[in-house]
Amino acid sequence: MMEVVKACSTFFLYAVTAIFAENAVFGRAMGVSRLVKLVEDSTVDTLTFGGLLCLIQLVAAPLTYSVNLLLTPLSWRNAVRPFLFILCSTVAFFVVLGVLLLVLKEKARRMLAVLPMATFNTAVLGVLLIAATQSFNLVQTMGFALGSGVGYTAAVVVVSEGQRRMRQDMVPGSFKGLPITLIYIGILALAIYGFTGHRISIG
């Protein structure tokens, strides 16, 4: 019983860490270009994208964990790891696609356009590579994968709200659009960086 409680607490600890302290966008700058595209594209539902991203990462996480264990004794593992992890993401893509078509049927058609975007991006690959290089165990990897997906979704929501407010006339014309969005993301990233306990050294 204690082992189950310990595993659950580890899972949620790594999930919360991935959401806030190690946020994929604000802490690691992963998938920023994808995030800007999502914010600009009103046809993509943020929560649908976030849900699919979480599903892909949860399915891919145990696959990449197993592959990483097999690669551990090999001296050339760093060269092939990204390629193999992309293959794991591809497997996760077809698993999630199959589940969507089986469970949601007609309703899944809306999600099919978003699923490739939620699968093949640096946010997914980066999270899986971080988990592998940090030597996380399976529970830690799963928690980190889920938390990163939730954290990425939260980042999209926060940037979308900021984008709505930045459409005001007070923003100079030369800064409107992408420039002010990137500045806003940079300020949020500094705030997250400070939240984790880092300080800017002076002198």
N, C-alpha and C. Protein backbone atom coordinates (compact mmCIF):
# COMPACT_ATOMS: atom_id res chain seq x y z
N MET A 1 0.83 -1.21 0.00
CA MET A 1 0.00 0.00 0.00
C MET A 1 0.87 1.26 0.00
N MET A 2 1.93 1.22 0.80
CA MET A 2 2.82 2.38 0.89
C MET A 2 3.53 2.63 -0.45
N GLU A 3 3.83 1.54 -1.17
CA GLU A 3 4.49 1.69 -2.47
C GLU A 3 3.58 2.40 -3.47
N VAL A 4 2.28 2.08 -3.41
CA VAL A 4 1.31 2.72 -4.31
C VAL A 4 1.19 4.20 -3.98
N VAL A 5 1.10 4.52 -2.69
CA VAL A 5 1.00 5.92 -2.25
C VAL A 5 2.25 6.69 -2.67
N LYS A 6 3.41 6.07 -2.49
CA LYS A 6 4.67 6.71 -2.86
C LYS A 6 4.75 6.95 -4.37
N ALA A 7 4.30 5.96 -5.16
CA ALA A 7 4.31 6.10 -6.62
C ALA A 7 3.36 7.22 -7.06
N CYS A 8 2.18 7.28 -6.45
CA CYS A 8 1.20 8.33 -6.79
C CYS A 8 1.72 9.71 -6.42
N SER A 9 2.35 9.83 -5.26
CA SER A 9 2.88 11.13 -4.83
C SER A 9 4.03 11.57 -5.75
N THR A 10 4.86 10.62 -6.18
CA THR A 10 5.94 10.93 -7.12
C THR A 10 5.37 11.38 -8.46
N PHE A 11 4.35 10.67 -8.94
CA PHE A 11 3.69 11.01 -10.20
C PHE A 11 3.17 12.45 -10.16
N PHE A 12 2.43 12.79 -9.11
CA PHE A 12 1.84 14.13 -9.03
C PHE A 12 2.90 15.21 -8.77
N LEU A 13 3.95 14.86 -8.04
CA LEU A 13 5.04 15.82 -7.81
C LEU A 13 5.70 16.20 -9.13
N TYR A 14 5.99 15.22 -9.96
CA TYR A 14 6.64 15.49 -11.24
C TYR A 14 5.67 16.18 -12.21
N ALA A 15 4.38 15.86 -12.10
CA ALA A 15 3.38 16.54 -12.95
C ALA A 15 3.29 18.02 -12.60
N VAL A 16 3.22 18.32 -11.31
CA VAL A 16 3.13 19.73 -10.87
C VAL A 16 4.41 20.48 -11.21
N THR A 17 5.56 19.82 -11.05
CA THR A 17 6.84 20.44 -11.41
C THR A 17 6.87 20.78 -12.89
N ALA A 18 6.36 19.86 -13.73
CA ALA A 18 6.35 20.09 -15.18
C ALA A 18 5.40 21.22 -15.57
N ILE A 19 4.30 21.37 -14.83
CA ILE A 19 3.32 22.42 -15.14
C ILE A 19 3.90 23.80 -14.84
N PHE A 20 4.53 23.94 -13.70
CA PHE A 20 4.97 25.26 -13.25
C PHE A 20 6.48 25.49 -13.40
N ALA A 21 7.29 24.82 -12.58
CA ALA A 21 8.73 25.09 -12.56
C ALA A 21 9.42 24.75 -13.87
N GLU A 22 9.00 23.66 -14.52
CA GLU A 22 9.64 23.22 -15.76
C GLU A 22 8.68 23.34 -16.94
N ASN A 23 7.86 24.39 -16.94
CA ASN A 23 6.89 24.58 -18.01
C ASN A 23 7.56 24.53 -19.38
N ALA A 24 7.00 23.72 -20.28
CA ALA A 24 7.62 23.48 -21.59
C ALA A 24 7.84 24.76 -22.37
N VAL A 25 6.90 25.71 -22.27
CA VAL A 25 7.01 26.97 -23.03
C VAL A 25 7.83 27.99 -22.26
N PHE A 26 7.42 28.29 -21.03
CA PHE A 26 8.04 29.38 -20.27
C PHE A 26 9.38 28.99 -19.65
N GLY A 27 9.52 27.71 -19.30
CA GLY A 27 10.77 27.28 -18.68
C GLY A 27 11.78 26.74 -19.67
N ARG A 28 11.30 26.15 -20.78
CA ARG A 28 12.20 25.46 -21.72
C ARG A 28 12.11 25.99 -23.15
N ALA A 29 11.16 26.88 -23.41
CA ALA A 29 10.97 27.48 -24.76
C ALA A 29 10.67 26.42 -25.81
N MET A 30 9.99 25.34 -25.42
CA MET A 30 9.65 24.28 -26.37
C MET A 30 8.30 24.56 -27.01
N GLY A 31 8.22 24.41 -28.31
CA GLY A 31 6.96 24.56 -29.02
C GLY A 31 6.43 25.98 -29.07
N VAL A 32 7.34 26.97 -28.96
CA VAL A 32 6.89 28.37 -28.97
C VAL A 32 6.27 28.73 -30.32
N SER A 33 6.89 28.29 -31.42
CA SER A 33 6.35 28.61 -32.74
C SER A 33 4.97 27.99 -32.92
N ARG A 34 4.79 26.78 -32.39
CA ARG A 34 3.49 26.11 -32.45
C ARG A 34 2.47 26.87 -31.61
N LEU A 35 2.90 27.35 -30.45
CA LEU A 35 2.01 28.11 -29.56
C LEU A 35 1.52 29.38 -30.24
N VAL A 36 2.44 30.11 -30.89
CA VAL A 36 2.06 31.35 -31.59
C VAL A 36 1.05 31.04 -32.68
N LYS A 37 1.24 29.94 -33.39
CA LYS A 37 0.29 29.53 -34.45
C LYS A 37 -1.08 29.23 -33.85
N LEU A 38 -1.09 28.55 -32.70
CA LEU A 38 -2.36 28.22 -32.04
C LEU A 38 -3.10 29.47 -31.62
N VAL A 39 -2.35 30.43 -31.06
CA VAL A 39 -2.97 31.66 -30.58
C VAL A 39 -3.57 32.45 -31.74
N GLU A 40 -2.87 32.45 -32.88
CA GLU A 40 -3.33 33.20 -34.05
C GLU A 40 -4.49 32.51 -34.77
N ASP A 41 -4.56 31.17 -34.67
CA ASP A 41 -5.56 30.40 -35.41
C ASP A 41 -6.81 30.18 -34.55
N SER A 42 -7.86 30.90 -34.85
CA SER A 42 -9.10 30.82 -34.06
C SER A 42 -9.89 29.53 -34.33
N THR A 43 -9.51 28.81 -35.38
CA THR A 43 -10.25 27.58 -35.72
C THR A 43 -9.83 26.39 -34.84
N VAL A 44 -8.67 26.50 -34.19
CA VAL A 44 -8.17 25.41 -33.35
C VAL A 44 -8.63 25.62 -31.91
N ASP A 45 -9.33 24.64 -31.36
CA ASP A 45 -9.79 24.71 -29.98
C ASP A 45 -8.62 24.36 -29.05
N THR A 46 -8.29 25.27 -28.15
CA THR A 46 -7.14 25.12 -27.26
C THR A 46 -7.24 23.88 -26.39
N LEU A 47 -8.40 23.65 -25.80
CA LEU A 47 -8.56 22.51 -24.89
C LEU A 47 -8.50 21.18 -25.63
N THR A 48 -9.03 21.15 -26.86
CA THR A 48 -8.92 19.94 -27.68
C THR A 48 -7.46 19.63 -27.97
N PHE A 49 -6.72 20.67 -28.39
CA PHE A 49 -5.29 20.49 -28.67
C PHE A 49 -4.55 20.02 -27.41
N GLY A 50 -4.83 20.67 -26.28
CA GLY A 50 -4.16 20.31 -25.03
C GLY A 50 -4.47 18.89 -24.59
N GLY A 51 -5.72 18.48 -24.75
CA GLY A 51 -6.11 17.12 -24.39
C GLY A 51 -5.40 16.09 -25.25
N LEU A 52 -5.32 16.36 -26.55
CA LEU A 52 -4.63 15.44 -27.46
C LEU A 52 -3.13 15.40 -27.18
N LEU A 53 -2.55 16.55 -26.85
CA LEU A 53 -1.13 16.61 -26.51
C LEU A 53 -0.84 15.76 -25.27
N CYS A 54 -1.70 15.87 -24.26
CA CYS A 54 -1.54 15.07 -23.04
C CYS A 54 -1.66 13.57 -23.35
N LEU A 55 -2.63 13.20 -24.18
CA LEU A 55 -2.82 11.80 -24.55
C LEU A 55 -1.60 11.24 -25.29
N ILE A 56 -1.10 12.02 -26.25
CA ILE A 56 0.07 11.59 -27.03
C ILE A 56 1.26 11.38 -26.10
N GLN A 57 1.48 12.31 -25.19
CA GLN A 57 2.64 12.21 -24.31
C GLN A 57 2.49 11.05 -23.32
N LEU A 58 1.27 10.81 -22.86
CA LEU A 58 1.05 9.70 -21.94
C LEU A 58 1.24 8.34 -22.61
N VAL A 59 0.86 8.25 -23.89
CA VAL A 59 1.05 7.00 -24.63
C VAL A 59 2.51 6.82 -25.02
N ALA A 60 3.15 7.92 -25.43
CA ALA A 60 4.55 7.84 -25.89
C ALA A 60 5.53 7.65 -24.74
N ALA A 61 5.19 8.15 -23.55
CA ALA A 61 6.14 8.11 -22.42
C ALA A 61 6.62 6.71 -22.06
N PRO A 62 5.72 5.72 -21.86
CA PRO A 62 6.23 4.38 -21.54
C PRO A 62 7.00 3.74 -22.69
N LEU A 63 6.63 4.09 -23.94
CA LEU A 63 7.35 3.56 -25.10
C LEU A 63 8.79 4.08 -25.13
N THR A 64 8.93 5.40 -24.94
CA THR A 64 10.28 5.98 -24.97
C THR A 64 11.10 5.54 -23.76
N TYR A 65 10.43 5.34 -22.63
CA TYR A 65 11.13 4.84 -21.43
C TYR A 65 11.73 3.46 -21.71
N SER A 66 10.95 2.59 -22.33
CA SER A 66 11.42 1.24 -22.66
C SER A 66 12.56 1.27 -23.68
N VAL A 67 12.39 2.13 -24.70
CA VAL A 67 13.44 2.27 -25.72
C VAL A 67 14.72 2.78 -25.09
N ASN A 68 14.58 3.75 -24.18
CA ASN A 68 15.76 4.32 -23.53
C ASN A 68 16.50 3.28 -22.69
N LEU A 69 15.76 2.39 -22.04
CA LEU A 69 16.39 1.30 -21.28
C LEU A 69 17.21 0.40 -22.19
N LEU A 70 16.67 0.10 -23.37
CA LEU A 70 17.38 -0.74 -24.33
C LEU A 70 18.64 -0.04 -24.88
N LEU A 71 18.58 1.29 -24.97
CA LEU A 71 19.71 2.05 -25.52
C LEU A 71 20.82 2.31 -24.50
N THR A 72 20.52 2.17 -23.21
CA THR A 72 21.47 2.55 -22.15
C THR A 72 22.87 1.97 -22.33
N PRO A 73 23.03 0.67 -22.65
CA PRO A 73 24.40 0.13 -22.78
C PRO A 73 25.15 0.57 -24.03
N LEU A 74 24.47 1.18 -24.97
CA LEU A 74 25.09 1.51 -26.26
C LEU A 74 25.80 2.86 -26.21
N SER A 75 26.98 2.94 -26.76
CA SER A 75 27.76 4.19 -26.73
C SER A 75 27.19 5.23 -27.70
N TRP A 76 26.49 4.78 -28.75
CA TRP A 76 25.97 5.70 -29.77
C TRP A 76 24.48 6.01 -29.55
N ARG A 77 24.00 5.82 -28.32
CA ARG A 77 22.57 6.01 -28.03
C ARG A 77 22.09 7.45 -28.30
N ASN A 78 22.94 8.45 -28.02
CA ASN A 78 22.53 9.84 -28.22
C ASN A 78 22.25 10.17 -29.68
N ALA A 79 22.91 9.47 -30.58
CA ALA A 79 22.74 9.74 -32.01
C ALA A 79 21.40 9.23 -32.54
N VAL A 80 20.94 8.11 -32.00
CA VAL A 80 19.70 7.50 -32.53
C VAL A 80 18.47 7.78 -31.66
N ARG A 81 18.70 8.27 -30.44
CA ARG A 81 17.57 8.47 -29.52
C ARG A 81 16.47 9.37 -30.09
N PRO A 82 16.79 10.56 -30.65
CA PRO A 82 15.71 11.41 -31.19
C PRO A 82 14.88 10.72 -32.28
N PHE A 83 15.56 10.02 -33.19
CA PHE A 83 14.86 9.33 -34.27
C PHE A 83 13.92 8.26 -33.71
N LEU A 84 14.40 7.47 -32.76
CA LEU A 84 13.57 6.42 -32.17
C LEU A 84 12.40 7.00 -31.38
N PHE A 85 12.63 8.14 -30.73
CA PHE A 85 11.56 8.79 -29.97
C PHE A 85 10.49 9.35 -30.90
N ILE A 86 10.90 9.81 -32.08
CA ILE A 86 9.92 10.26 -33.09
C ILE A 86 9.08 9.07 -33.56
N LEU A 87 9.73 7.92 -33.72
CA LEU A 87 8.99 6.70 -34.07
C LEU A 87 7.98 6.33 -32.98
N CYS A 88 8.39 6.49 -31.71
CA CYS A 88 7.48 6.23 -30.58
C CYS A 88 6.29 7.19 -30.61
N SER A 89 6.56 8.45 -30.95
CA SER A 89 5.48 9.43 -31.08
C SER A 89 4.53 9.05 -32.22
N THR A 90 5.09 8.50 -33.29
CA THR A 90 4.28 8.05 -34.42
C THR A 90 3.37 6.90 -34.01
N VAL A 91 3.92 5.97 -33.24
CA VAL A 91 3.10 4.86 -32.71
C VAL A 91 1.99 5.42 -31.83
N ALA A 92 2.34 6.38 -30.96
CA ALA A 92 1.34 7.02 -30.09
C ALA A 92 0.26 7.70 -30.91
N PHE A 93 0.66 8.33 -32.03
CA PHE A 93 -0.29 8.98 -32.94
C PHE A 93 -1.35 7.99 -33.42
N PHE A 94 -0.91 6.82 -33.89
CA PHE A 94 -1.85 5.84 -34.42
C PHE A 94 -2.70 5.20 -33.32
N VAL A 95 -2.13 5.05 -32.13
CA VAL A 95 -2.91 4.52 -30.99
C VAL A 95 -4.03 5.48 -30.63
N VAL A 96 -3.68 6.77 -30.47
CA VAL A 96 -4.69 7.78 -30.11
C VAL A 96 -5.71 7.93 -31.24
N LEU A 97 -5.24 7.89 -32.48
CA LEU A 97 -6.14 7.97 -33.64
C LEU A 97 -7.15 6.83 -33.62
N GLY A 98 -6.67 5.62 -33.37
CA GLY A 98 -7.55 4.45 -33.30
C GLY A 98 -8.57 4.56 -32.19
N VAL A 99 -8.13 5.04 -31.03
CA VAL A 99 -9.05 5.20 -29.88
C VAL A 99 -10.12 6.25 -30.20
N LEU A 100 -9.70 7.36 -30.81
CA LEU A 100 -10.66 8.41 -31.16
C LEU A 100 -11.71 7.92 -32.14
N LEU A 101 -11.25 7.20 -33.16
CA LEU A 101 -12.19 6.69 -34.16
C LEU A 101 -13.11 5.62 -33.59
N LEU A 102 -12.60 4.85 -32.65
CA LEU A 102 -13.39 3.78 -32.05
C LEU A 102 -14.41 4.31 -31.05
N VAL A 103 -13.98 5.28 -30.23
CA VAL A 103 -14.84 5.78 -29.15
C VAL A 103 -15.75 6.92 -29.63
N LEU A 104 -15.17 7.90 -30.32
CA LEU A 104 -15.94 9.09 -30.69
C LEU A 104 -16.57 9.00 -32.07
N LYS A 105 -16.03 8.16 -32.93
CA LYS A 105 -16.57 7.95 -34.28
C LYS A 105 -16.71 9.25 -35.06
N GLU A 106 -17.93 9.70 -35.30
CA GLU A 106 -18.15 10.89 -36.13
C GLU A 106 -17.60 12.16 -35.48
N LYS A 107 -17.66 12.22 -34.16
CA LYS A 107 -17.18 13.42 -33.47
C LYS A 107 -15.67 13.56 -33.56
N ALA A 108 -14.98 12.47 -33.88
CA ALA A 108 -13.51 12.48 -33.94
C ALA A 108 -12.98 13.25 -35.14
N ARG A 109 -13.81 13.48 -36.14
CA ARG A 109 -13.34 14.13 -37.37
C ARG A 109 -12.77 15.51 -37.11
N ARG A 110 -13.39 16.24 -36.15
CA ARG A 110 -12.88 17.57 -35.82
C ARG A 110 -11.47 17.51 -35.25
N MET A 111 -11.20 16.45 -34.49
CA MET A 111 -9.91 16.32 -33.81
C MET A 111 -8.81 15.83 -34.74
N LEU A 112 -9.19 15.19 -35.84
CA LEU A 112 -8.20 14.62 -36.74
C LEU A 112 -7.28 15.67 -37.35
N ALA A 113 -7.80 16.89 -37.56
CA ALA A 113 -6.99 17.96 -38.13
C ALA A 113 -5.96 18.47 -37.11
N VAL A 114 -6.28 18.35 -35.83
CA VAL A 114 -5.42 18.87 -34.77
C VAL A 114 -4.41 17.83 -34.31
N LEU A 115 -4.74 16.55 -34.44
CA LEU A 115 -3.90 15.48 -33.90
C LEU A 115 -2.46 15.49 -34.42
N PRO A 116 -2.20 15.66 -35.74
CA PRO A 116 -0.80 15.71 -36.19
C PRO A 116 -0.03 16.87 -35.56
N MET A 117 -0.70 18.02 -35.39
CA MET A 117 -0.06 19.18 -34.79
C MET A 117 0.27 18.94 -33.31
N ALA A 118 -0.57 18.14 -32.65
CA ALA A 118 -0.35 17.82 -31.24
C ALA A 118 0.68 16.71 -31.05
N THR A 119 1.01 16.02 -32.13
CA THR A 119 1.94 14.88 -32.03
C THR A 119 3.36 15.26 -32.43
N PHE A 120 3.48 15.86 -33.62
CA PHE A 120 4.81 16.10 -34.18
C PHE A 120 5.22 17.55 -33.95
N ASN A 121 5.69 17.82 -32.76
CA ASN A 121 6.22 19.14 -32.44
C ASN A 121 7.29 19.03 -31.37
N THR A 122 8.05 20.09 -31.21
CA THR A 122 9.20 20.05 -30.29
C THR A 122 8.78 19.91 -28.83
N ALA A 123 7.55 20.31 -28.50
CA ALA A 123 7.09 20.18 -27.12
C ALA A 123 7.04 18.71 -26.71
N VAL A 124 6.53 17.86 -27.58
CA VAL A 124 6.43 16.42 -27.27
C VAL A 124 7.82 15.78 -27.25
N LEU A 125 8.58 15.98 -28.32
CA LEU A 125 9.91 15.36 -28.42
C LEU A 125 10.83 15.87 -27.31
N GLY A 126 10.78 17.16 -27.04
CA GLY A 126 11.65 17.74 -26.01
C GLY A 126 11.37 17.17 -24.64
N VAL A 127 10.11 17.03 -24.30
CA VAL A 127 9.73 16.46 -22.99
C VAL A 127 10.23 15.03 -22.85
N LEU A 128 10.06 14.24 -23.89
CA LEU A 128 10.49 12.85 -23.86
C LEU A 128 12.01 12.73 -23.75
N LEU A 129 12.73 13.62 -24.44
CA LEU A 129 14.19 13.62 -24.37
C LEU A 129 14.68 14.06 -23.00
N ILE A 130 14.01 15.05 -22.40
CA ILE A 130 14.39 15.50 -21.06
C ILE A 130 14.22 14.36 -20.06
N ALA A 131 13.08 13.68 -20.12
CA ALA A 131 12.82 12.56 -19.21
C ALA A 131 13.88 11.48 -19.36
N ALA A 132 14.33 11.24 -20.60
CA ALA A 132 15.34 10.20 -20.84
C ALA A 132 16.71 10.62 -20.33
N THR A 133 17.11 11.84 -20.63
CA THR A 133 18.45 12.31 -20.24
C THR A 133 18.56 12.54 -18.74
N GLN A 134 17.43 12.82 -18.07
CA GLN A 134 17.43 13.00 -16.62
C GLN A 134 17.32 11.68 -15.87
N SER A 135 17.25 10.58 -16.62
CA SER A 135 17.16 9.23 -16.03
C SER A 135 15.96 9.07 -15.10
N PHE A 136 14.81 9.62 -15.51
CA PHE A 136 13.58 9.44 -14.73
C PHE A 136 13.15 7.97 -14.79
N ASN A 137 12.54 7.50 -13.70
CA ASN A 137 11.94 6.16 -13.76
C ASN A 137 10.59 6.26 -14.46
N LEU A 138 9.87 5.15 -14.59
CA LEU A 138 8.64 5.14 -15.37
C LEU A 138 7.57 6.06 -14.78
N VAL A 139 7.41 6.02 -13.45
CA VAL A 139 6.39 6.86 -12.79
C VAL A 139 6.73 8.34 -12.97
N GLN A 140 8.00 8.69 -12.79
CA GLN A 140 8.43 10.07 -12.97
C GLN A 140 8.24 10.53 -14.42
N THR A 141 8.56 9.64 -15.37
CA THR A 141 8.39 9.96 -16.79
C THR A 141 6.93 10.22 -17.13
N MET A 142 6.03 9.36 -16.62
CA MET A 142 4.60 9.53 -16.88
C MET A 142 4.07 10.82 -16.26
N GLY A 143 4.49 11.11 -15.03
CA GLY A 143 4.06 12.35 -14.37
C GLY A 143 4.56 13.57 -15.09
N PHE A 144 5.82 13.53 -15.51
CA PHE A 144 6.42 14.66 -16.23
C PHE A 144 5.74 14.86 -17.59
N ALA A 145 5.38 13.76 -18.25
CA ALA A 145 4.70 13.85 -19.55
C ALA A 145 3.32 14.49 -19.41
N LEU A 146 2.55 14.03 -18.42
CA LEU A 146 1.21 14.60 -18.21
C LEU A 146 1.30 16.07 -17.81
N GLY A 147 2.18 16.37 -16.86
CA GLY A 147 2.32 17.75 -16.40
C GLY A 147 2.76 18.69 -17.49
N SER A 148 3.65 18.21 -18.38
CA SER A 148 4.12 19.04 -19.48
C SER A 148 2.98 19.36 -20.45
N GLY A 149 2.12 18.37 -20.70
CA GLY A 149 0.96 18.59 -21.56
C GLY A 149 0.00 19.61 -20.97
N VAL A 150 -0.27 19.46 -19.68
CA VAL A 150 -1.15 20.42 -18.98
C VAL A 150 -0.50 21.80 -18.95
N GLY A 151 0.81 21.84 -18.68
CA GLY A 151 1.53 23.11 -18.64
C GLY A 151 1.53 23.82 -19.97
N TYR A 152 1.67 23.05 -21.06
CA TYR A 152 1.65 23.65 -22.39
C TYR A 152 0.27 24.24 -22.69
N THR A 153 -0.77 23.49 -22.30
CA THR A 153 -2.14 23.98 -22.50
C THR A 153 -2.38 25.26 -21.72
N ALA A 154 -1.89 25.29 -20.47
CA ALA A 154 -2.02 26.49 -19.63
C ALA A 154 -1.29 27.67 -20.27
N ALA A 155 -0.12 27.40 -20.86
CA ALA A 155 0.64 28.46 -21.53
C ALA A 155 -0.14 29.03 -22.71
N VAL A 156 -0.78 28.16 -23.50
CA VAL A 156 -1.58 28.61 -24.64
C VAL A 156 -2.73 29.49 -24.17
N VAL A 157 -3.39 29.08 -23.08
CA VAL A 157 -4.52 29.85 -22.54
C VAL A 157 -4.05 31.23 -22.06
N VAL A 158 -2.93 31.25 -21.33
CA VAL A 158 -2.40 32.51 -20.79
C VAL A 158 -1.98 33.45 -21.92
N VAL A 159 -1.29 32.93 -22.93
CA VAL A 159 -0.84 33.75 -24.05
C VAL A 159 -2.04 34.22 -24.88
N SER A 160 -3.06 33.38 -25.03
CA SER A 160 -4.27 33.77 -25.76
C SER A 160 -4.96 34.95 -25.08
N GLU A 161 -5.06 34.88 -23.75
CA GLU A 161 -5.68 35.97 -22.99
C GLU A 161 -4.83 37.24 -23.10
N GLY A 162 -3.51 37.07 -23.02
CA GLY A 162 -2.62 38.23 -23.17
C GLY A 162 -2.74 38.84 -24.55
N GLN A 163 -2.86 37.99 -25.57
CA GLN A 163 -3.01 38.46 -26.95
C GLN A 163 -4.29 39.28 -27.10
N ARG A 164 -5.36 38.84 -26.44
CA ARG A 164 -6.63 39.57 -26.50
C ARG A 164 -6.48 40.96 -25.90
N ARG A 165 -5.77 41.05 -24.79
CA ARG A 165 -5.59 42.34 -24.12
C ARG A 165 -4.61 43.24 -24.88
N MET A 166 -3.67 42.61 -25.59
CA MET A 166 -2.66 43.40 -26.30
C MET A 166 -3.16 43.96 -27.62
N ARG A 167 -4.39 43.67 -27.98
CA ARG A 167 -4.95 44.24 -29.20
C ARG A 167 -5.44 45.68 -28.98
N GLN A 168 -5.24 46.18 -27.78
CA GLN A 168 -5.68 47.54 -27.47
C GLN A 168 -4.84 48.56 -28.24
N ASP A 169 -5.38 49.79 -28.32
CA ASP A 169 -4.71 50.85 -29.08
C ASP A 169 -3.43 51.34 -28.41
N MET A 170 -3.23 51.03 -27.12
CA MET A 170 -2.04 51.50 -26.41
C MET A 170 -0.76 50.85 -26.94
N VAL A 171 -0.88 49.68 -27.58
CA VAL A 171 0.30 49.00 -28.13
C VAL A 171 0.69 49.69 -29.44
N PRO A 172 1.95 50.15 -29.56
CA PRO A 172 2.39 50.81 -30.81
C PRO A 172 2.23 49.89 -32.01
N GLY A 173 1.93 50.46 -33.16
CA GLY A 173 1.67 49.69 -34.37
C GLY A 173 2.80 48.75 -34.76
N SER A 174 4.05 49.19 -34.55
CA SER A 174 5.20 48.37 -34.94
C SER A 174 5.38 47.14 -34.04
N PHE A 175 4.74 47.15 -32.88
CA PHE A 175 4.86 46.03 -31.94
C PHE A 175 3.68 45.07 -31.98
N LYS A 176 2.63 45.43 -32.68
CA LYS A 176 1.44 44.59 -32.70
C LYS A 176 1.70 43.27 -33.42
N GLY A 177 0.99 42.23 -32.98
CA GLY A 177 1.14 40.92 -33.60
C GLY A 177 2.24 40.10 -32.95
N LEU A 178 3.11 39.53 -33.78
CA LEU A 178 4.16 38.63 -33.29
C LEU A 178 5.16 39.30 -32.34
N PRO A 179 5.65 40.53 -32.61
CA PRO A 179 6.65 41.13 -31.71
C PRO A 179 6.16 41.24 -30.26
N ILE A 180 4.97 41.78 -30.05
CA ILE A 180 4.46 41.96 -28.68
C ILE A 180 4.16 40.60 -28.04
N THR A 181 3.76 39.63 -28.85
CA THR A 181 3.51 38.28 -28.32
C THR A 181 4.79 37.66 -27.78
N LEU A 182 5.89 37.79 -28.55
CA LEU A 182 7.17 37.23 -28.11
C LEU A 182 7.71 37.96 -26.88
N ILE A 183 7.52 39.27 -26.82
CA ILE A 183 7.93 40.03 -25.62
C ILE A 183 7.13 39.57 -24.41
N TYR A 184 5.85 39.38 -24.61
CA TYR A 184 4.97 38.91 -23.52
C TYR A 184 5.39 37.53 -23.03
N ILE A 185 5.68 36.62 -23.96
CA ILE A 185 6.14 35.28 -23.58
C ILE A 185 7.47 35.38 -22.83
N GLY A 186 8.35 36.26 -23.28
CA GLY A 186 9.64 36.44 -22.61
C GLY A 186 9.49 36.92 -21.18
N ILE A 187 8.58 37.87 -20.95
CA ILE A 187 8.33 38.38 -19.59
C ILE A 187 7.76 37.28 -18.70
N LEU A 188 6.82 36.51 -19.24
CA LEU A 188 6.26 35.38 -18.48
C LEU A 188 7.33 34.35 -18.16
N ALA A 189 8.23 34.10 -19.13
CA ALA A 189 9.32 33.14 -18.91
C ALA A 189 10.23 33.60 -17.78
N LEU A 190 10.53 34.91 -17.72
CA LEU A 190 11.35 35.46 -16.63
C LEU A 190 10.65 35.29 -15.29
N ALA A 191 9.32 35.49 -15.29
CA ALA A 191 8.56 35.32 -14.05
C ALA A 191 8.62 33.87 -13.56
N ILE A 192 8.47 32.92 -14.48
CA ILE A 192 8.56 31.49 -14.13
C ILE A 192 9.97 31.16 -13.64
N TYR A 193 10.97 31.74 -14.31
CA TYR A 193 12.37 31.52 -13.92
C TYR A 193 12.61 31.99 -12.49
N GLY A 194 12.03 33.14 -12.15
CA GLY A 194 12.15 33.64 -10.78
C GLY A 194 11.36 32.81 -9.78
N PHE A 195 10.22 32.27 -10.25
CA PHE A 195 9.36 31.45 -9.40
C PHE A 195 10.09 30.19 -8.91
N THR A 196 11.01 29.69 -9.73
CA THR A 196 11.74 28.47 -9.37
C THR A 196 12.89 28.74 -8.41
N GLY A 197 13.10 30.01 -8.05
CA GLY A 197 14.12 30.33 -7.05
C GLY A 197 15.42 30.85 -7.61
N HIS A 198 15.50 31.08 -8.92
CA HIS A 198 16.72 31.61 -9.52
C HIS A 198 16.79 33.12 -9.32
N ARG A 199 17.98 33.62 -9.22
CA ARG A 199 18.19 35.06 -9.09
C ARG A 199 19.14 35.53 -10.17
N ILE A 200 18.93 36.77 -10.63
CA ILE A 200 19.82 37.35 -11.63
C ILE A 200 21.04 37.91 -10.91
N SER A 201 22.22 37.43 -11.28
CA SER A 201 23.44 37.92 -10.64
C SER A 201 23.85 39.25 -11.22
N ILE A 202 24.22 40.19 -10.37
CA ILE A 202 24.62 41.53 -10.81
C ILE A 202 26.10 41.72 -10.48
N GLY A 203 26.85 42.19 -11.46
CA GLY A 203 28.27 42.48 -11.24
C GLY A 203 29.17 41.29 -11.44
